[in-house]
């Protein structure tokens, strides 16, 4: 059975009377939900966040859902997109699918149908993720070879310990998201006895020295009292 506890959904719709209650329903279903009411804000969140599903209204102020989807697909981002829209002609549906949408739901809709489509898209995404090789991850000018525990940055070869490689992989998979000390600890030591909290800080320092040498831009940002955020352009 697909666990929803770590599934992240971005909901972008300018109708607060729809967005707010739908967000609450999705949260009750166990999803982590970010909501935006404007196309520009929604586009920014889609760019910097790591989501398992985007639910986009077609007609949005500032930037349409169609434009947001097209931008992501041009950047080779494969996050599933579900359109919510009053546009119900065949030409509209074809246009949405051609833009890269994975599914399409006409307003008004039944809540249970939307939840079923959300589950189906997330289940498909989960299967594709585990069936696709994750041997290489790339963020900005940093590349990680997971299998060989080696990173590359600006021509440098960076050898990593097992825990450094695991930590860097975790950061890169959740680029732009705030990761707490407890989340990092649980990820690195999921079953065994966890070390003292200062071990995380020490491991972060070691990793920074390796991947942020010389004049290279910082990638690991400390959010004091909360944890860490990874990425080359981080909005605090």
C-alpha atoms as a PDB file:
ATOM      1  CA  UNK A   1       0.000   0.000   0.000  1.00  0.00           C
ATOM      2  CA  UNK A   2       1.331   3.429  -0.934  1.00  0.00           C
ATOM      3  CA  UNK A   3       2.296   5.503   2.100  1.00  0.00           C
ATOM      4  CA  UNK A   4       1.188   9.132   1.926  1.00  0.00           C
ATOM      5  CA  UNK A   5       3.172  10.347   4.936  1.00  0.00           C
ATOM      6  CA  UNK A   6       6.019  11.833   2.895  1.00  0.00           C
ATOM      7  CA  UNK A   7       4.163  12.603  -0.343  1.00  0.00           C
ATOM      8  CA  UNK A   8       4.288  16.300  -1.177  1.00  0.00           C
ATOM      9  CA  UNK A   9       1.621  18.014  -3.273  1.00  0.00           C
ATOM     10  CA  UNK A  10       1.596  21.550  -4.664  1.00  0.00           C
ATOM     11  CA  UNK A  11      -1.907  22.925  -5.194  1.00  0.00           C
ATOM     12  CA  UNK A  12      -2.209  26.106  -7.272  1.00  0.00           C
ATOM     13  CA  UNK A  13      -5.681  27.615  -7.734  1.00  0.00           C
ATOM     14  CA  UNK A  14      -6.844  31.211  -7.335  1.00  0.00           C
ATOM     15  CA  UNK A  15     -10.258  30.164  -5.997  1.00  0.00           C
ATOM     16  CA  UNK A  16      -9.718  30.212  -2.221  1.00  0.00           C
ATOM     17  CA  UNK A  17     -13.133  28.668  -1.669  1.00  0.00           C
ATOM     18  CA  UNK A  18     -11.815  25.572  -3.485  1.00  0.00           C
ATOM     19  CA  UNK A  19      -8.123  25.665  -2.576  1.00  0.00           C
ATOM     20  CA  UNK A  20      -8.465  25.985   1.194  1.00  0.00           C
ATOM     21  CA  UNK A  21     -10.923  23.135   1.829  1.00  0.00           C
ATOM     22  CA  UNK A  22      -9.185  20.907  -0.732  1.00  0.00           C
ATOM     23  CA  UNK A  23      -5.855  21.509   1.018  1.00  0.00           C
ATOM     24  CA  UNK A  24      -7.413  20.480   4.328  1.00  0.00           C
ATOM     25  CA  UNK A  25      -8.839  17.306   2.797  1.00  0.00           C
ATOM     26  CA  UNK A  26      -5.495  16.330   1.265  1.00  0.00           C
ATOM     27  CA  UNK A  27      -3.737  16.979   4.576  1.00  0.00           C
ATOM     28  CA  UNK A  28      -6.280  14.783   6.368  1.00  0.00           C
ATOM     29  CA  UNK A  29      -5.488  12.091   3.801  1.00  0.00           C
ATOM     30  CA  UNK A  30      -1.879  12.250   5.002  1.00  0.00           C
ATOM     31  CA  UNK A  31      -0.252  14.343   2.268  1.00  0.00           C
ATOM     32  CA  UNK A  32       2.067  17.307   2.803  1.00  0.00           C
ATOM     33  CA  UNK A  33       0.442  20.199   0.943  1.00  0.00           C
ATOM     34  CA  UNK A  34       1.708  23.599  -0.191  1.00  0.00           C
ATOM     35  CA  UNK A  35      -0.878  25.956  -1.685  1.00  0.00           C
ATOM     36  CA  UNK A  36      -0.580  29.025  -3.893  1.00  0.00           C
ATOM     37  CA  UNK A  37      -3.261  31.325  -5.264  1.00  0.00           C
ATOM     38  CA  UNK A  38      -1.288  33.083  -8.027  1.00  0.00           C
ATOM     39  CA  UNK A  39       0.458  31.709 -11.084  1.00  0.00           C
ATOM     40  CA  UNK A  40       3.776  33.434 -10.387  1.00  0.00           C
ATOM     41  CA  UNK A  41       3.931  32.150  -6.812  1.00  0.00           C
ATOM     42  CA  UNK A  42       2.904  28.708  -7.947  1.00  0.00           C
ATOM     43  CA  UNK A  43       5.602  28.675 -10.607  1.00  0.00           C
ATOM     44  CA  UNK A  44       8.265  29.702  -8.075  1.00  0.00           C
ATOM     45  CA  UNK A  45       7.243  26.942  -5.668  1.00  0.00           C
ATOM     46  CA  UNK A  46       7.228  24.392  -8.483  1.00  0.00           C
ATOM     47  CA  UNK A  47      10.767  25.453  -9.449  1.00  0.00           C
ATOM     48  CA  UNK A  48      12.391  25.417  -5.996  1.00  0.00           C
ATOM     49  CA  UNK A  49      10.401  22.679  -4.291  1.00  0.00           C
ATOM     50  CA  UNK A  50      10.482  18.923  -4.656  1.00  0.00           C
ATOM     51  CA  UNK A  51       6.953  17.681  -5.150  1.00  0.00           C
ATOM     52  CA  UNK A  52       5.449  14.306  -5.954  1.00  0.00           C
ATOM     53  CA  UNK A  53       2.413  15.867  -7.640  1.00  0.00           C
ATOM     54  CA  UNK A  54       1.285  19.260  -8.921  1.00  0.00           C
ATOM     55  CA  UNK A  55      -2.438  20.086  -8.993  1.00  0.00           C
ATOM     56  CA  UNK A  56      -2.826  23.156 -11.202  1.00  0.00           C
ATOM     57  CA  UNK A  57      -5.781  25.279 -12.179  1.00  0.00           C
ATOM     58  CA  UNK A  58      -5.614  26.104 -15.884  1.00  0.00           C
ATOM     59  CA  UNK A  59      -6.591  29.773 -15.641  1.00  0.00           C
ATOM     60  CA  UNK A  60      -4.424  31.588 -13.075  1.00  0.00           C
ATOM     61  CA  UNK A  61      -3.461  35.249 -12.644  1.00  0.00           C
ATOM     62  CA  UNK A  62       0.110  36.103 -13.615  1.00  0.00           C
ATOM     63  CA  UNK A  63       0.921  32.772 -15.252  1.00  0.00           C
ATOM     64  CA  UNK A  64      -1.456  30.032 -16.336  1.00  0.00           C
ATOM     65  CA  UNK A  65      -1.243  26.450 -15.190  1.00  0.00           C
ATOM     66  CA  UNK A  66      -0.577  25.510 -18.792  1.00  0.00           C
ATOM     67  CA  UNK A  67       2.482  27.794 -18.846  1.00  0.00           C
ATOM     68  CA  UNK A  68       3.752  26.397 -15.530  1.00  0.00           C
ATOM     69  CA  UNK A  69       3.455  22.864 -16.882  1.00  0.00           C
ATOM     70  CA  UNK A  70       5.157  23.752 -20.166  1.00  0.00           C
ATOM     71  CA  UNK A  71       8.076  25.390 -18.331  1.00  0.00           C
ATOM     72  CA  UNK A  72       8.638  22.319 -16.173  1.00  0.00           C
ATOM     73  CA  UNK A  73       8.548  19.979 -19.146  1.00  0.00           C
ATOM     74  CA  UNK A  74      11.030  22.152 -21.062  1.00  0.00           C
ATOM     75  CA  UNK A  75      13.366  21.733 -18.081  1.00  0.00           C
ATOM     76  CA  UNK A  76      12.906  17.948 -18.280  1.00  0.00           C
ATOM     77  CA  UNK A  77      11.096  17.864 -14.933  1.00  0.00           C
ATOM     78  CA  UNK A  78       8.763  14.884 -14.851  1.00  0.00           C
ATOM     79  CA  UNK A  79       6.647  15.663 -11.767  1.00  0.00           C
ATOM     80  CA  UNK A  80       3.090  14.471 -12.488  1.00  0.00           C
ATOM     81  CA  UNK A  81       0.616  17.287 -13.235  1.00  0.00           C
ATOM     82  CA  UNK A  82      -3.137  17.115 -12.700  1.00  0.00           C
ATOM     83  CA  UNK A  83      -5.131  19.961 -14.237  1.00  0.00           C
ATOM     84  CA  UNK A  84      -8.307  21.246 -12.567  1.00  0.00           C
ATOM     85  CA  UNK A  85     -10.238  23.324 -15.048  1.00  0.00           C
ATOM     86  CA  UNK A  86     -13.615  24.420 -16.314  1.00  0.00           C
ATOM     87  CA  UNK A  87     -12.327  23.997 -19.891  1.00  0.00           C
ATOM     88  CA  UNK A  88     -14.117  20.894 -21.102  1.00  0.00           C
ATOM     89  CA  UNK A  89     -13.806  20.718 -24.880  1.00  0.00           C
ATOM     90  CA  UNK A  90     -11.826  18.011 -26.617  1.00  0.00           C
ATOM     91  CA  UNK A  91      -9.410  20.627 -27.994  1.00  0.00           C
ATOM     92  CA  UNK A  92      -8.787  21.912 -24.467  1.00  0.00           C
ATOM     93  CA  UNK A  93      -8.051  18.424 -23.149  1.00  0.00           C
ATOM     94  CA  UNK A  94      -5.705  17.718 -26.032  1.00  0.00           C
ATOM     95  CA  UNK A  95      -3.899  21.025 -25.475  1.00  0.00           C
ATOM     96  CA  UNK A  96      -3.426  20.254 -21.780  1.00  0.00           C
ATOM     97  CA  UNK A  97      -2.111  16.766 -22.440  1.00  0.00           C
ATOM     98  CA  UNK A  98       0.181  18.036 -25.195  1.00  0.00           C
ATOM     99  CA  UNK A  99       1.603  20.574 -22.720  1.00  0.00           C
ATOM    100  CA  UNK A 100       2.722  17.678 -20.534  1.00  0.00           C
ATOM    101  CA  UNK A 101      -0.194  17.164 -18.145  1.00  0.00           C
ATOM    102  CA  UNK A 102      -0.711  13.631 -16.854  1.00  0.00           C
ATOM    103  CA  UNK A 103      -4.392  13.916 -16.025  1.00  0.00           C
ATOM    104  CA  UNK A 104      -7.292  16.295 -16.384  1.00  0.00           C
ATOM    105  CA  UNK A 105     -10.337  16.851 -14.139  1.00  0.00           C
ATOM    106  CA  UNK A 106     -13.258  19.073 -15.109  1.00  0.00           C
ATOM    107  CA  UNK A 107     -14.772  21.456 -12.565  1.00  0.00           C
ATOM    108  CA  UNK A 108     -17.020  20.868 -10.756  1.00  0.00           C
ATOM    109  CA  UNK A 109     -15.786  17.437  -9.720  1.00  0.00           C
ATOM    110  CA  UNK A 110     -16.521  14.828  -7.084  1.00  0.00           C
ATOM    111  CA  UNK A 111     -14.003  14.843  -4.254  1.00  0.00           C
ATOM    112  CA  UNK A 112     -13.658  11.073  -4.205  1.00  0.00           C
ATOM    113  CA  UNK A 113     -12.789  11.080  -7.928  1.00  0.00           C
ATOM    114  CA  UNK A 114     -10.071  13.678  -7.371  1.00  0.00           C
ATOM    115  CA  UNK A 115      -8.612  11.655  -4.486  1.00  0.00           C
ATOM    116  CA  UNK A 116      -8.664   8.518  -6.627  1.00  0.00           C
ATOM    117  CA  UNK A 117      -6.803  10.307  -9.425  1.00  0.00           C
ATOM    118  CA  UNK A 118      -4.283  11.697  -6.932  1.00  0.00           C
ATOM    119  CA  UNK A 119      -3.639   8.197  -5.578  1.00  0.00           C
ATOM    120  CA  UNK A 120      -3.276   6.776  -9.087  1.00  0.00           C
ATOM    121  CA  UNK A 121      -0.781   9.444 -10.188  1.00  0.00           C
ATOM    122  CA  UNK A 122       1.286   9.101  -7.021  1.00  0.00           C
ATOM    123  CA  UNK A 123       1.260   5.307  -7.276  1.00  0.00           C
ATOM    124  CA  UNK A 124       2.446   5.511 -10.885  1.00  0.00           C
ATOM    125  CA  UNK A 125       5.128   8.024  -9.911  1.00  0.00           C
ATOM    126  CA  UNK A 126       6.318   5.786  -7.088  1.00  0.00           C
ATOM    127  CA  UNK A 127       6.591   2.758  -9.365  1.00  0.00           C
ATOM    128  CA  UNK A 128       8.471   4.724 -12.029  1.00  0.00           C
ATOM    129  CA  UNK A 129      10.839   6.164  -9.407  1.00  0.00           C
ATOM    130  CA  UNK A 130      11.838   2.749  -8.091  1.00  0.00           C
ATOM    131  CA  UNK A 131      12.126   1.278 -11.567  1.00  0.00           C
ATOM    132  CA  UNK A 132      14.345   4.094 -12.815  1.00  0.00           C
ATOM    133  CA  UNK A 133      18.017   4.240 -12.008  1.00  0.00           C
ATOM    134  CA  UNK A 134      19.013   6.912  -9.513  1.00  0.00           C
ATOM    135  CA  UNK A 135      22.734   6.329  -9.997  1.00  0.00           C
ATOM    136  CA  UNK A 136      23.402   9.990 -10.835  1.00  0.00           C
ATOM    137  CA  UNK A 137      21.935  13.117  -9.297  1.00  0.00           C
ATOM    138  CA  UNK A 138      22.662  16.653 -10.507  1.00  0.00           C
ATOM    139  CA  UNK A 139      21.981  19.958  -8.731  1.00  0.00           C
ATOM    140  CA  UNK A 140      23.501  23.159 -10.156  1.00  0.00           C
ATOM    141  CA  UNK A 141      27.131  22.279 -11.027  1.00  0.00           C
ATOM    142  CA  UNK A 142      27.344  19.368  -8.590  1.00  0.00           C
ATOM    143  CA  UNK A 143      26.906  15.764  -9.724  1.00  0.00           C
ATOM    144  CA  UNK A 144      26.732  12.724  -7.461  1.00  0.00           C
ATOM    145  CA  UNK A 145      27.544   9.180  -8.555  1.00  0.00           C
ATOM    146  CA  UNK A 146      25.569   7.365  -5.874  1.00  0.00           C
ATOM    147  CA  UNK A 147      26.821   3.855  -6.541  1.00  0.00           C
ATOM    148  CA  UNK A 148      30.510   4.796  -6.442  1.00  0.00           C
ATOM    149  CA  UNK A 149      30.225   7.453  -3.673  1.00  0.00           C
ATOM    150  CA  UNK A 150      31.930  10.074  -5.852  1.00  0.00           C
ATOM    151  CA  UNK A 151      30.856  13.642  -6.560  1.00  0.00           C
ATOM    152  CA  UNK A 152      32.016  15.972  -9.322  1.00  0.00           C
ATOM    153  CA  UNK A 153      32.115  19.756  -9.250  1.00  0.00           C
ATOM    154  CA  UNK A 154      33.826  22.108 -11.715  1.00  0.00           C
ATOM    155  CA  UNK A 155      36.165  19.372 -12.879  1.00  0.00           C
ATOM    156  CA  UNK A 156      37.021  18.168  -9.390  1.00  0.00           C
ATOM    157  CA  UNK A 157      36.575  14.559  -8.315  1.00  0.00           C
ATOM    158  CA  UNK A 158      35.299  14.405  -4.735  1.00  0.00           C
ATOM    159  CA  UNK A 159      35.581  11.114  -2.879  1.00  0.00           C
ATOM    160  CA  UNK A 160      32.951  10.636  -0.195  1.00  0.00           C
ATOM    161  CA  UNK A 161      32.497   8.343   2.767  1.00  0.00           C
ATOM    162  CA  UNK A 162      29.367   6.213   2.904  1.00  0.00           C
ATOM    163  CA  UNK A 163      27.574   8.591   5.307  1.00  0.00           C
ATOM    164  CA  UNK A 164      28.697  11.671   3.354  1.00  0.00           C
ATOM    165  CA  UNK A 165      27.340  10.129   0.163  1.00  0.00           C
ATOM    166  CA  UNK A 166      24.062   9.170   1.851  1.00  0.00           C
ATOM    167  CA  UNK A 167      23.691  12.677   3.293  1.00  0.00           C
ATOM    168  CA  UNK A 168      24.462  14.374  -0.029  1.00  0.00           C
ATOM    169  CA  UNK A 169      22.016  12.101  -1.865  1.00  0.00           C
ATOM    170  CA  UNK A 170      19.316  12.995   0.686  1.00  0.00           C
ATOM    171  CA  UNK A 171      20.006  16.713   0.242  1.00  0.00           C
ATOM    172  CA  UNK A 172      19.970  16.481  -3.549  1.00  0.00           C
ATOM    173  CA  UNK A 173      16.727  14.496  -3.636  1.00  0.00           C
ATOM    174  CA  UNK A 174      15.058  17.162  -1.477  1.00  0.00           C
ATOM    175  CA  UNK A 175      16.629  20.275  -2.978  1.00  0.00           C
ATOM    176  CA  UNK A 176      15.099  23.487  -1.662  1.00  0.00           C
ATOM    177  CA  UNK A 177      13.317  21.832   1.253  1.00  0.00           C
ATOM    178  CA  UNK A 178      14.066  22.426   4.926  1.00  0.00           C
ATOM    179  CA  UNK A 179      15.383  19.204   6.457  1.00  0.00           C
ATOM    180  CA  UNK A 180      15.440  19.092  10.252  1.00  0.00           C
ATOM    181  CA  UNK A 181      18.153  17.497  12.373  1.00  0.00           C
ATOM    182  CA  UNK A 182      15.749  14.710  13.343  1.00  0.00           C
ATOM    183  CA  UNK A 183      14.824  13.995   9.707  1.00  0.00           C
ATOM    184  CA  UNK A 184      18.484  13.754   8.728  1.00  0.00           C
ATOM    185  CA  UNK A 185      19.256  11.570  11.737  1.00  0.00           C
ATOM    186  CA  UNK A 186      16.383   9.217  10.973  1.00  0.00           C
ATOM    187  CA  UNK A 187      17.420   8.987   7.319  1.00  0.00           C
ATOM    188  CA  UNK A 188      21.070   8.191   8.041  1.00  0.00           C
ATOM    189  CA  UNK A 189      20.418   5.835  10.954  1.00  0.00           C
ATOM    190  CA  UNK A 190      16.908   4.441  10.325  1.00  0.00           C
ATOM    191  CA  UNK A 191      17.214   1.205  12.280  1.00  0.00           C
ATOM    192  CA  UNK A 192      20.322   1.291  14.421  1.00  0.00           C
ATOM    193  CA  UNK A 193      21.231   3.275  17.515  1.00  0.00           C
ATOM    194  CA  UNK A 194      21.493   6.942  16.593  1.00  0.00           C
ATOM    195  CA  UNK A 195      24.602   8.908  17.599  1.00  0.00           C
ATOM    196  CA  UNK A 196      24.680  12.233  19.421  1.00  0.00           C
ATOM    197  CA  UNK A 197      23.215  15.317  17.738  1.00  0.00           C
ATOM    198  CA  UNK A 198      26.661  16.863  17.283  1.00  0.00           C
ATOM    199  CA  UNK A 199      27.510  14.100  14.803  1.00  0.00           C
ATOM    200  CA  UNK A 200      25.189  15.669  12.209  1.00  0.00           C
ATOM    201  CA  UNK A 201      26.893  19.070  12.567  1.00  0.00           C
ATOM    202  CA  UNK A 202      30.307  17.427  12.200  1.00  0.00           C
ATOM    203  CA  UNK A 203      29.209  15.480   9.136  1.00  0.00           C
ATOM    204  CA  UNK A 204      27.801  18.652   7.570  1.00  0.00           C
ATOM    205  CA  UNK A 205      31.124  20.448   8.131  1.00  0.00           C
ATOM    206  CA  UNK A 206      33.065  17.632   6.477  1.00  0.00           C
ATOM    207  CA  UNK A 207      30.707  17.551   3.498  1.00  0.00           C
ATOM    208  CA  UNK A 208      30.873  21.331   3.075  1.00  0.00           C
ATOM    209  CA  UNK A 209      34.662  21.248   2.961  1.00  0.00           C
ATOM    210  CA  UNK A 210      34.523  18.728   0.160  1.00  0.00           C
ATOM    211  CA  UNK A 211      31.780  20.159  -2.062  1.00  0.00           C
ATOM    212  CA  UNK A 212      32.270  23.897  -1.415  1.00  0.00           C
ATOM    213  CA  UNK A 213      35.980  24.375  -2.021  1.00  0.00           C
ATOM    214  CA  UNK A 214      37.637  27.639  -2.978  1.00  0.00           C
ATOM    215  CA  UNK A 215      35.284  30.176  -4.547  1.00  0.00           C
ATOM    216  CA  UNK A 216      32.533  27.670  -5.277  1.00  0.00           C
ATOM    217  CA  UNK A 217      29.086  28.828  -4.223  1.00  0.00           C
ATOM    218  CA  UNK A 218      27.585  27.493  -1.017  1.00  0.00           C
ATOM    219  CA  UNK A 219      25.054  24.698  -1.452  1.00  0.00           C
ATOM    220  CA  UNK A 220      24.274  23.725   2.138  1.00  0.00           C
ATOM    221  CA  UNK A 221      22.496  26.496   4.044  1.00  0.00           C
ATOM    222  CA  UNK A 222      22.020  26.404   7.820  1.00  0.00           C
ATOM    223  CA  UNK A 223      18.581  27.476   9.000  1.00  0.00           C
ATOM    224  CA  UNK A 224      19.446  28.183  12.614  1.00  0.00           C
ATOM    225  CA  UNK A 225      17.399  26.297  15.135  1.00  0.00           C
ATOM    226  CA  UNK A 226      15.602  24.335  12.431  1.00  0.00           C
ATOM    227  CA  UNK A 227      17.989  22.397  10.198  1.00  0.00           C
ATOM    228  CA  UNK A 228      19.455  22.699   6.722  1.00  0.00           C
ATOM    229  CA  UNK A 229      18.376  23.582   3.189  1.00  0.00           C
ATOM    230  CA  UNK A 230      20.246  22.473   0.049  1.00  0.00           C
ATOM    231  CA  UNK A 231      20.497  24.268  -3.283  1.00  0.00           C
ATOM    232  CA  UNK A 232      22.305  27.002  -5.192  1.00  0.00           C
ATOM    233  CA  UNK A 233      19.404  29.487  -5.019  1.00  0.00           C
ATOM    234  CA  UNK A 234      17.625  29.243  -1.714  1.00  0.00           C
ATOM    235  CA  UNK A 235      14.812  31.600  -0.747  1.00  0.00           C
ATOM    236  CA  UNK A 236      14.707  32.054   3.037  1.00  0.00           C
END
